[in-house]
Amino acid sequence: MTQRTAAFFDLDKTIIATSSAAAFSRPFIAGGLINRRSVLRSAYAHFLYMIGGADEDQTERMRAYLSDLVTGWDVPQVSAIVNETLHTYIDPYVYAEAVSLIAEHHAAGRDVVVVSASGSELVEPIATALGADHSIASRMQVVDDRYTGEIEFYNYGEHKADAIRQLAAEQSYDLSRSYAYSDSITDAPMLAVVGFGYAVNPDKALRRLADDEGWGVLAFERPISLWSQLTTPRSTITATVVLALVTGAVLWGLWSRRRRHRS
């Protein structure tokens, strides 16, 4: 019996044309959750992210800082802020090339999996809107409607590859005939775990590695409105954005357990 195959896509700068880092700085300041010094630090992290200049040590230090920053934040307050300002402060875009590639993989009979260091409650509705079959994301701990600052599962680096292997075992994917796409050197383990790895708009380090490993290199250049692609009403995407980092940067995100608002 022939095993199934899959295509694994990183999210930021692979499916989405940019990062959502620091997008909520202004409303969070207004809500008293952060101050301007915090904004400057997150903006610096965003800058490193966009130029691909943060190494793993820098990423870990910023992750720890931001994890500490959100400790004790009230989930309903954060949810209200994000819900009220989502349309104003986040206008993400997806690459048309990524949307087309997802359709091509489905037409070839492959499952599509979105793999991101962002939180599951942000990743899942985006993955659903794009027609993905599964998503793999980070999980942050919430106790009594407050963020503890603990990350239950950080879907980053080698952890992404481990999670892909686990999903492949559960879904009977043949990874040697499967595909993966990412823009960052930190996702090298993810690209290496499949038979066909592709660097999308790669940073310099990833481009060099792609040449060494024989991975494909793709250029995605045509962003289109993400919201125009959503099949799930925006009202169901509650203010539950998780804090995580990708490629040495900040990916703002915060979880909410108020899942009843989704039903």
C-alpha atoms as a PDB file:
ATOM      1  CA  MET A   1       0.000   0.000   0.000  1.00  0.00           C
ATOM      2  CA  THR A   2       1.397   3.416  -1.006  1.00  0.00           C
ATOM      3  CA  GLN A   3       1.807   5.828   1.900  1.00  0.00           C
ATOM      4  CA  ARG A   4       0.226   9.260   1.768  1.00  0.00           C
ATOM      5  CA  THR A   5       2.294  12.407   1.329  1.00  0.00           C
ATOM      6  CA  ALA A   6       2.039  15.973   2.607  1.00  0.00           C
ATOM      7  CA  ALA A   7       3.299  19.512   2.039  1.00  0.00           C
ATOM      8  CA  PHE A   8       4.419  21.455   5.134  1.00  0.00           C
ATOM      9  CA  PHE A   9       4.385  25.269   5.025  1.00  0.00           C
ATOM     10  CA  ASP A  10       5.927  27.721   7.459  1.00  0.00           C
ATOM     11  CA  LEU A  11       3.617  30.706   8.050  1.00  0.00           C
ATOM     12  CA  ASP A  12       5.373  34.074   8.371  1.00  0.00           C
ATOM     13  CA  LYS A  13       7.225  35.212   5.246  1.00  0.00           C
ATOM     14  CA  THR A  14       6.342  31.926   3.564  1.00  0.00           C
ATOM     15  CA  ILE A  15       2.542  31.982   3.373  1.00  0.00           C
ATOM     16  CA  ILE A  16       2.121  35.438   4.908  1.00  0.00           C
ATOM     17  CA  ALA A  17       4.148  38.149   3.199  1.00  0.00           C
ATOM     18  CA  THR A  18       5.311  39.761   6.433  1.00  0.00           C
ATOM     19  CA  SER A  19       5.314  39.356  10.207  1.00  0.00           C
ATOM     20  CA  SER A  20       2.545  40.409  12.549  1.00  0.00           C
ATOM     21  CA  ALA A  21       5.212  41.460  15.055  1.00  0.00           C
ATOM     22  CA  ALA A  22       4.410  44.519  17.145  1.00  0.00           C
ATOM     23  CA  ALA A  23       1.128  45.069  15.283  1.00  0.00           C
ATOM     24  CA  PHE A  24      -0.760  45.536  18.537  1.00  0.00           C
ATOM     25  CA  SER A  25       1.749  47.872  20.179  1.00  0.00           C
ATOM     26  CA  ARG A  26      -0.490  50.945  20.072  1.00  0.00           C
ATOM     27  CA  PRO A  27      -3.672  49.378  21.507  1.00  0.00           C
ATOM     28  CA  PHE A  28      -1.650  47.471  24.118  1.00  0.00           C
ATOM     29  CA  ILE A  29      -0.073  50.749  25.232  1.00  0.00           C
ATOM     30  CA  ALA A  30      -3.521  52.320  25.419  1.00  0.00           C
ATOM     31  CA  GLY A  31      -4.715  49.359  27.474  1.00  0.00           C
ATOM     32  CA  GLY A  32      -1.809  49.680  29.902  1.00  0.00           C
ATOM     33  CA  LEU A  33      -0.343  46.273  29.041  1.00  0.00           C
ATOM     34  CA  ILE A  34       2.983  47.533  27.708  1.00  0.00           C
ATOM     35  CA  ASN A  35       5.005  50.745  27.739  1.00  0.00           C
ATOM     36  CA  ARG A  36       6.952  52.490  25.003  1.00  0.00           C
ATOM     37  CA  ARG A  37      10.227  50.889  26.031  1.00  0.00           C
ATOM     38  CA  SER A  38       8.649  47.492  25.429  1.00  0.00           C
ATOM     39  CA  VAL A  39       7.525  48.675  22.028  1.00  0.00           C
ATOM     40  CA  LEU A  40      11.057  49.705  21.110  1.00  0.00           C
ATOM     41  CA  ARG A  41      12.391  46.277  22.078  1.00  0.00           C
ATOM     42  CA  SER A  42       9.707  44.466  20.106  1.00  0.00           C
ATOM     43  CA  ALA A  43      10.298  46.778  17.136  1.00  0.00           C
ATOM     44  CA  TYR A  44      14.005  45.902  17.245  1.00  0.00           C
ATOM     45  CA  ALA A  45      13.132  42.213  17.268  1.00  0.00           C
ATOM     46  CA  HIS A  46      10.813  42.780  14.318  1.00  0.00           C
ATOM     47  CA  PHE A  47      13.651  44.510  12.462  1.00  0.00           C
ATOM     48  CA  LEU A  48      15.957  41.548  13.076  1.00  0.00           C
ATOM     49  CA  TYR A  49      13.215  39.252  11.887  1.00  0.00           C
ATOM     50  CA  MET A  50      12.632  41.109   8.653  1.00  0.00           C
ATOM     51  CA  ILE A  51      16.340  41.185   7.730  1.00  0.00           C
ATOM     52  CA  GLY A  52      16.935  37.646   8.934  1.00  0.00           C
ATOM     53  CA  GLY A  53      19.708  38.817  11.256  1.00  0.00           C
ATOM     54  CA  ALA A  54      18.838  37.194  14.570  1.00  0.00           C
ATOM     55  CA  ASP A  55      20.675  34.050  15.539  1.00  0.00           C
ATOM     56  CA  GLU A  56      19.297  31.310  17.789  1.00  0.00           C
ATOM     57  CA  ASP A  57      20.768  32.794  20.991  1.00  0.00           C
ATOM     58  CA  GLN A  58      19.246  36.200  20.271  1.00  0.00           C
ATOM     59  CA  THR A  59      15.944  34.574  19.488  1.00  0.00           C
ATOM     60  CA  GLU A  60      15.924  32.670  22.751  1.00  0.00           C
ATOM     61  CA  ARG A  61      16.742  35.784  24.787  1.00  0.00           C
ATOM     62  CA  MET A  62      13.936  37.733  23.126  1.00  0.00           C
ATOM     63  CA  ARG A  63      11.540  34.829  23.548  1.00  0.00           C
ATOM     64  CA  ALA A  64      12.320  34.716  27.271  1.00  0.00           C
ATOM     65  CA  TYR A  65      11.888  38.487  27.578  1.00  0.00           C
ATOM     66  CA  LEU A  66       8.523  38.487  25.862  1.00  0.00           C
ATOM     67  CA  SER A  67       7.359  35.448  27.784  1.00  0.00           C
ATOM     68  CA  ASP A  68       8.115  37.320  30.993  1.00  0.00           C
ATOM     69  CA  LEU A  69       6.404  40.436  29.619  1.00  0.00           C
ATOM     70  CA  VAL A  70       2.997  38.780  29.210  1.00  0.00           C
ATOM     71  CA  THR A  71       3.052  36.944  32.542  1.00  0.00           C
ATOM     72  CA  GLY A  72      -0.080  37.871  34.473  1.00  0.00           C
ATOM     73  CA  TRP A  73      -1.841  39.578  31.592  1.00  0.00           C
ATOM     74  CA  ASP A  74      -5.596  39.238  31.848  1.00  0.00           C
ATOM     75  CA  VAL A  75      -6.868  37.092  28.991  1.00  0.00           C
ATOM     76  CA  PRO A  76     -10.331  38.721  28.672  1.00  0.00           C
ATOM     77  CA  GLN A  77      -8.716  42.171  28.541  1.00  0.00           C
ATOM     78  CA  VAL A  78      -6.257  41.114  25.876  1.00  0.00           C
ATOM     79  CA  SER A  79      -9.036  39.393  23.971  1.00  0.00           C
ATOM     80  CA  ALA A  80     -11.166  42.532  24.060  1.00  0.00           C
ATOM     81  CA  ILE A  81      -8.290  44.744  22.875  1.00  0.00           C
ATOM     82  CA  VAL A  82      -7.330  42.485  19.995  1.00  0.00           C
ATOM     83  CA  ASN A  83     -10.931  41.829  18.995  1.00  0.00           C
ATOM     84  CA  GLU A  84     -11.659  45.549  18.829  1.00  0.00           C
ATOM     85  CA  THR A  85      -8.498  46.466  16.911  1.00  0.00           C
ATOM     86  CA  LEU A  86      -7.843  43.406  14.761  1.00  0.00           C
ATOM     87  CA  HIS A  87      -9.054  44.959  11.514  1.00  0.00           C
ATOM     88  CA  THR A  88      -7.363  48.297  12.187  1.00  0.00           C
ATOM     89  CA  TYR A  89      -3.924  47.135  13.276  1.00  0.00           C
ATOM     90  CA  ILE A  90      -3.470  43.866  11.414  1.00  0.00           C
ATOM     91  CA  ASP A  91      -3.813  43.770   7.667  1.00  0.00           C
ATOM     92  CA  PRO A  92      -1.806  40.663   6.879  1.00  0.00           C
ATOM     93  CA  TYR A  93      -1.378  39.375   3.396  1.00  0.00           C
ATOM     94  CA  VAL A  94      -0.785  35.958   1.953  1.00  0.00           C
ATOM     95  CA  TYR A  95       1.313  35.264  -1.090  1.00  0.00           C
ATOM     96  CA  ALA A  96      -0.755  34.394  -4.142  1.00  0.00           C
ATOM     97  CA  GLU A  97       2.022  31.961  -5.057  1.00  0.00           C
ATOM     98  CA  ALA A  98       1.546  30.149  -1.751  1.00  0.00           C
ATOM     99  CA  VAL A  99      -2.210  29.895  -2.266  1.00  0.00           C
ATOM    100  CA  SER A 100      -1.664  28.458  -5.742  1.00  0.00           C
ATOM    101  CA  LEU A 101       0.949  26.018  -4.469  1.00  0.00           C
ATOM    102  CA  ILE A 102      -1.400  24.792  -1.744  1.00  0.00           C
ATOM    103  CA  ALA A 103      -4.037  24.141  -4.417  1.00  0.00           C
ATOM    104  CA  GLU A 104      -1.510  22.259  -6.549  1.00  0.00           C
ATOM    105  CA  HIS A 105      -0.533  19.979  -3.673  1.00  0.00           C
ATOM    106  CA  HIS A 106      -4.170  19.231  -2.934  1.00  0.00           C
ATOM    107  CA  ALA A 107      -4.777  18.465  -6.595  1.00  0.00           C
ATOM    108  CA  ALA A 108      -1.877  15.999  -6.422  1.00  0.00           C
ATOM    109  CA  GLY A 109      -3.542  14.267  -3.476  1.00  0.00           C
ATOM    110  CA  ARG A 110      -1.253  15.599  -0.755  1.00  0.00           C
ATOM    111  CA  ASP A 111      -2.338  16.921   2.622  1.00  0.00           C
ATOM    112  CA  VAL A 112      -1.294  20.488   3.432  1.00  0.00           C
ATOM    113  CA  VAL A 113       0.023  21.321   6.903  1.00  0.00           C
ATOM    114  CA  VAL A 114       0.748  24.823   8.238  1.00  0.00           C
ATOM    115  CA  VAL A 115       3.668  24.712  10.675  1.00  0.00           C
ATOM    116  CA  SER A 116       4.278  27.822  12.767  1.00  0.00           C
ATOM    117  CA  ALA A 117       5.868  29.063  15.971  1.00  0.00           C
ATOM    118  CA  SER A 118       2.765  31.192  16.448  1.00  0.00           C
ATOM    119  CA  GLY A 119      -0.052  30.048  18.683  1.00  0.00           C
ATOM    120  CA  SER A 120      -2.582  27.435  17.709  1.00  0.00           C
ATOM    121  CA  GLU A 121      -5.567  29.752  18.102  1.00  0.00           C
ATOM    122  CA  LEU A 122      -4.123  32.100  15.491  1.00  0.00           C
ATOM    123  CA  VAL A 123      -2.695  29.439  13.199  1.00  0.00           C
ATOM    124  CA  GLU A 124      -5.746  27.163  13.091  1.00  0.00           C
ATOM    125  CA  PRO A 125      -8.258  29.646  11.601  1.00  0.00           C
ATOM    126  CA  ILE A 126      -5.697  30.816   9.043  1.00  0.00           C
ATOM    127  CA  ALA A 127      -4.922  27.218   8.118  1.00  0.00           C
ATOM    128  CA  THR A 128      -8.637  26.481   7.796  1.00  0.00           C
ATOM    129  CA  ALA A 129      -9.173  29.539   5.614  1.00  0.00           C
ATOM    130  CA  LEU A 130      -6.375  28.427   3.321  1.00  0.00           C
ATOM    131  CA  GLY A 131      -7.805  24.929   3.069  1.00  0.00           C
ATOM    132  CA  ALA A 132      -4.996  23.241   5.004  1.00  0.00           C
ATOM    133  CA  ASP A 133      -5.679  19.791   6.403  1.00  0.00           C
ATOM    134  CA  HIS A 134      -3.687  20.196   9.636  1.00  0.00           C
ATOM    135  CA  SER A 135      -1.684  22.774  11.553  1.00  0.00           C
ATOM    136  CA  ILE A 136       1.175  22.524  14.025  1.00  0.00           C
ATOM    137  CA  ALA A 137       1.691  25.475  16.371  1.00  0.00           C
ATOM    138  CA  SER A 138       2.964  26.589  19.771  1.00  0.00           C
ATOM    139  CA  ARG A 139       0.885  26.387  22.931  1.00  0.00           C
ATOM    140  CA  MET A 140       1.048  28.836  25.840  1.00  0.00           C
ATOM    141  CA  GLN A 141      -0.179  28.044  29.345  1.00  0.00           C
ATOM    142  CA  VAL A 142      -3.234  29.871  30.722  1.00  0.00           C
ATOM    143  CA  VAL A 143      -4.391  29.538  34.329  1.00  0.00           C
ATOM    144  CA  ASP A 144      -7.471  31.302  35.712  1.00  0.00           C
ATOM    145  CA  ASP A 145      -7.744  33.434  32.560  1.00  0.00           C
ATOM    146  CA  ARG A 146      -4.201  34.745  32.952  1.00  0.00           C
ATOM    147  CA  TYR A 147      -1.044  33.970  31.038  1.00  0.00           C
ATOM    148  CA  THR A 148       1.494  32.247  33.237  1.00  0.00           C
ATOM    149  CA  GLY A 149       4.396  33.032  30.907  1.00  0.00           C
ATOM    150  CA  GLU A 150       5.075  29.333  30.420  1.00  0.00           C
ATOM    151  CA  ILE A 151       5.108  27.924  26.916  1.00  0.00           C
ATOM    152  CA  GLU A 152       3.768  24.386  26.959  1.00  0.00           C
ATOM    153  CA  PHE A 153       5.123  23.621  23.502  1.00  0.00           C
ATOM    154  CA  TYR A 154       7.422  25.913  21.524  1.00  0.00           C
ATOM    155  CA  ASN A 155       7.151  24.966  17.860  1.00  0.00           C
ATOM    156  CA  TYR A 156      10.531  26.269  16.764  1.00  0.00           C
ATOM    157  CA  GLY A 157      13.697  24.863  15.198  1.00  0.00           C
ATOM    158  CA  GLU A 158      14.202  21.164  15.775  1.00  0.00           C
ATOM    159  CA  HIS A 159      10.836  21.017  17.577  1.00  0.00           C
ATOM    160  CA  LYS A 160       9.140  21.673  14.229  1.00  0.00           C
ATOM    161  CA  ALA A 161      10.864  18.659  12.705  1.00  0.00           C
ATOM    162  CA  ASP A 162       9.913  16.506  15.699  1.00  0.00           C
ATOM    163  CA  ALA A 163       6.282  17.595  15.453  1.00  0.00           C
ATOM    164  CA  ILE A 164       6.256  16.848  11.721  1.00  0.00           C
ATOM    165  CA  ARG A 165       7.615  13.358  12.382  1.00  0.00           C
ATOM    166  CA  GLN A 166       4.920  12.788  15.000  1.00  0.00           C
ATOM    167  CA  LEU A 167       2.121  13.945  12.686  1.00  0.00           C
ATOM    168  CA  ALA A 168       3.571  11.838   9.868  1.00  0.00           C
ATOM    169  CA  ALA A 169       3.435   8.751  12.086  1.00  0.00           C
ATOM    170  CA  GLU A 170      -0.170   9.504  13.023  1.00  0.00           C
ATOM    171  CA  GLN A 171      -1.281  10.206   9.447  1.00  0.00           C
ATOM    172  CA  SER A 172       0.944   7.623   7.691  1.00  0.00           C
ATOM    173  CA  TYR A 173       2.808  10.215   5.626  1.00  0.00           C
ATOM    174  CA  ASP A 174       5.863   9.130   3.670  1.00  0.00           C
ATOM    175  CA  LEU A 175       8.209  12.004   4.516  1.00  0.00           C
ATOM    176  CA  SER A 176      10.727  10.937   1.895  1.00  0.00           C
ATOM    177  CA  ARG A 177       8.135  11.857  -0.765  1.00  0.00           C
ATOM    178  CA  SER A 178       6.753  14.902   1.047  1.00  0.00           C
ATOM    179  CA  TYR A 179       7.493  18.635   0.664  1.00  0.00           C
ATOM    180  CA  ALA A 180       8.355  21.539   2.988  1.00  0.00           C
ATOM    181  CA  TYR A 181       8.631  25.302   2.494  1.00  0.00           C
ATOM    182  CA  SER A 182      10.222  27.989   4.664  1.00  0.00           C
ATOM    183  CA  ASP A 183      12.112  31.273   4.480  1.00  0.00           C
ATOM    184  CA  SER A 184      14.441  30.903   7.479  1.00  0.00           C
ATOM    185  CA  ILE A 185      17.632  29.094   8.400  1.00  0.00           C
ATOM    186  CA  THR A 186      16.020  28.212  11.743  1.00  0.00           C
ATOM    187  CA  ASP A 187      13.654  25.962   9.796  1.00  0.00           C
ATOM    188  CA  ALA A 188      16.481  23.927   8.271  1.00  0.00           C
ATOM    189  CA  PRO A 189      15.449  20.873  10.361  1.00  0.00           C
ATOM    190  CA  MET A 190      11.934  21.145   8.915  1.00  0.00           C
ATOM    191  CA  LEU A 191      13.247  21.240   5.357  1.00  0.00           C
ATOM    192  CA  ALA A 192      15.671  18.404   6.001  1.00  0.00           C
ATOM    193  CA  VAL A 193      13.043  16.020   7.377  1.00  0.00           C
ATOM    194  CA  VAL A 194      11.265  15.727   4.008  1.00  0.00           C
ATOM    195  CA  GLY A 195      12.391  14.537   0.611  1.00  0.00           C
ATOM    196  CA  PHE A 196      11.736  17.855  -1.151  1.00  0.00           C
ATOM    197  CA  GLY A 197      12.713  21.009   0.726  1.00  0.00           C
ATOM    198  CA  TYR A 198      12.182  24.505  -0.682  1.00  0.00           C
ATOM    199  CA  ALA A 199      13.596  27.820   0.532  1.00  0.00           C
ATOM    200  CA  VAL A 200      11.078  30.627  -0.027  1.00  0.00           C
ATOM    201  CA  ASN A 201      12.530  34.145  -0.298  1.00  0.00           C
ATOM    202  CA  PRO A 202      15.398  32.748   1.797  1.00  0.00           C
ATOM    203  CA  ASP A 203      17.716  34.664   4.075  1.00  0.00           C
ATOM    204  CA  LYS A 204      21.409  34.494   3.158  1.00  0.00           C
ATOM    205  CA  ALA A 205      22.199  31.592   5.462  1.00  0.00           C
ATOM    206  CA  LEU A 206      19.304  29.510   4.175  1.00  0.00           C
ATOM    207  CA  ARG A 207      20.187  30.247   0.547  1.00  0.00           C
ATOM    208  CA  ARG A 208      23.713  28.966   1.124  1.00  0.00           C
ATOM    209  CA  LEU A 209      22.396  25.856   2.842  1.00  0.00           C
ATOM    210  CA  ALA A 210      19.841  25.297   0.084  1.00  0.00           C
ATOM    211  CA  ASP A 211      22.651  25.327  -2.457  1.00  0.00           C
ATOM    212  CA  ASP A 212      24.619  22.827  -0.372  1.00  0.00           C
ATOM    213  CA  GLU A 213      21.641  20.518   0.193  1.00  0.00           C
ATOM    214  CA  GLY A 214      20.166  20.770  -3.283  1.00  0.00           C
ATOM    215  CA  TRP A 215      16.910  22.292  -2.024  1.00  0.00           C
ATOM    216  CA  GLY A 216      14.769  24.325  -4.386  1.00  0.00           C
ATOM    217  CA  VAL A 217      14.635  28.117  -4.102  1.00  0.00           C
ATOM    218  CA  LEU A 218      11.364  29.957  -4.747  1.00  0.00           C
ATOM    219  CA  ALA A 219      10.501  33.657  -4.982  1.00  0.00           C
ATOM    220  CA  PHE A 220       7.056  34.682  -3.750  1.00  0.00           C
ATOM    221  CA  GLU A 221       6.266  38.260  -4.807  1.00  0.00           C
ATOM    222  CA  ARG A 222       2.491  38.792  -5.089  1.00  0.00           C
ATOM    223  CA  PRO A 223       0.788  39.387  -1.728  1.00  0.00           C
ATOM    224  CA  ILE A 224      -2.999  39.462  -1.628  1.00  0.00           C
ATOM    225  CA  SER A 225      -5.350  40.314   1.212  1.00  0.00           C
ATOM    226  CA  LEU A 226      -5.490  37.539   3.776  1.00  0.00           C
ATOM    227  CA  TRP A 227      -9.009  38.432   4.886  1.00  0.00           C
ATOM    228  CA  SER A 228     -10.284  38.084   1.348  1.00  0.00           C
ATOM    229  CA  GLN A 229      -9.219  34.439   1.540  1.00  0.00           C
ATOM    230  CA  LEU A 230     -10.965  33.676   4.831  1.00  0.00           C
ATOM    231  CA  THR A 231     -13.832  31.219   4.665  1.00  0.00           C
ATOM    232  CA  THR A 232     -14.422  31.496   8.413  1.00  0.00           C
ATOM    233  CA  PRO A 233     -16.237  34.659   9.560  1.00  0.00           C
ATOM    234  CA  ARG A 234     -13.813  37.088  11.122  1.00  0.00           C
ATOM    235  CA  SER A 235     -16.013  37.270  14.234  1.00  0.00           C
ATOM    236  CA  THR A 236     -15.068  33.685  15.026  1.00  0.00           C
ATOM    237  CA  ILE A 237     -11.384  34.558  15.025  1.00  0.00           C
ATOM    238  CA  THR A 238     -11.437  35.836  18.592  1.00  0.00           C
ATOM    239  CA  ALA A 239      -8.737  37.902  20.189  1.00  0.00           C
ATOM    240  CA  THR A 240      -6.550  34.927  20.917  1.00  0.00           C
ATOM    241  CA  VAL A 241      -3.141  35.657  19.493  1.00  0.00           C
ATOM    242  CA  VAL A 242      -0.149  33.757  20.873  1.00  0.00           C
ATOM    243  CA  LEU A 243       3.265  35.118  21.689  1.00  0.00           C
ATOM    244  CA  ALA A 244       6.027  33.260  19.894  1.00  0.00           C
ATOM    245  CA  LEU A 245       9.136  33.902  17.850  1.00  0.00           C
ATOM    246  CA  VAL A 246      10.212  32.878  14.424  1.00  0.00           C
ATOM    247  CA  THR A 247      13.642  33.423  12.972  1.00  0.00           C
ATOM    248  CA  GLY A 248      14.924  35.555  15.750  1.00  0.00           C
ATOM    249  CA  ALA A 249      11.937  37.806  16.039  1.00  0.00           C
ATOM    250  CA  VAL A 250       8.702  38.440  17.740  1.00  0.00           C
ATOM    251  CA  LEU A 251       5.484  36.896  16.591  1.00  0.00           C
ATOM    252  CA  TRP A 252       2.882  38.464  18.869  1.00  0.00           C
ATOM    253  CA  GLY A 253       0.372  35.972  20.054  1.00  0.00           C
ATOM    254  CA  LEU A 254      -1.829  35.427  22.982  1.00  0.00           C
ATOM    255  CA  TRP A 255      -4.133  32.540  23.811  1.00  0.00           C
ATOM    256  CA  SER A 256      -7.643  32.596  25.242  1.00  0.00           C
ATOM    257  CA  ARG A 257      -9.531  29.716  26.720  1.00  0.00           C
ATOM    258  CA  ARG A 258     -12.787  31.431  25.965  1.00  0.00           C
ATOM    259  CA  ARG A 259     -13.517  28.954  23.197  1.00  0.00           C
ATOM    260  CA  ARG A 260     -17.199  29.344  23.772  1.00  0.00           C
ATOM    261  CA  HIS A 261     -16.989  32.575  21.773  1.00  0.00           C
ATOM    262  CA  ARG A 262     -15.973  30.464  18.773  1.00  0.00           C
ATOM    263  CA  SER A 263     -19.005  28.225  18.923  1.00  0.00           C
END
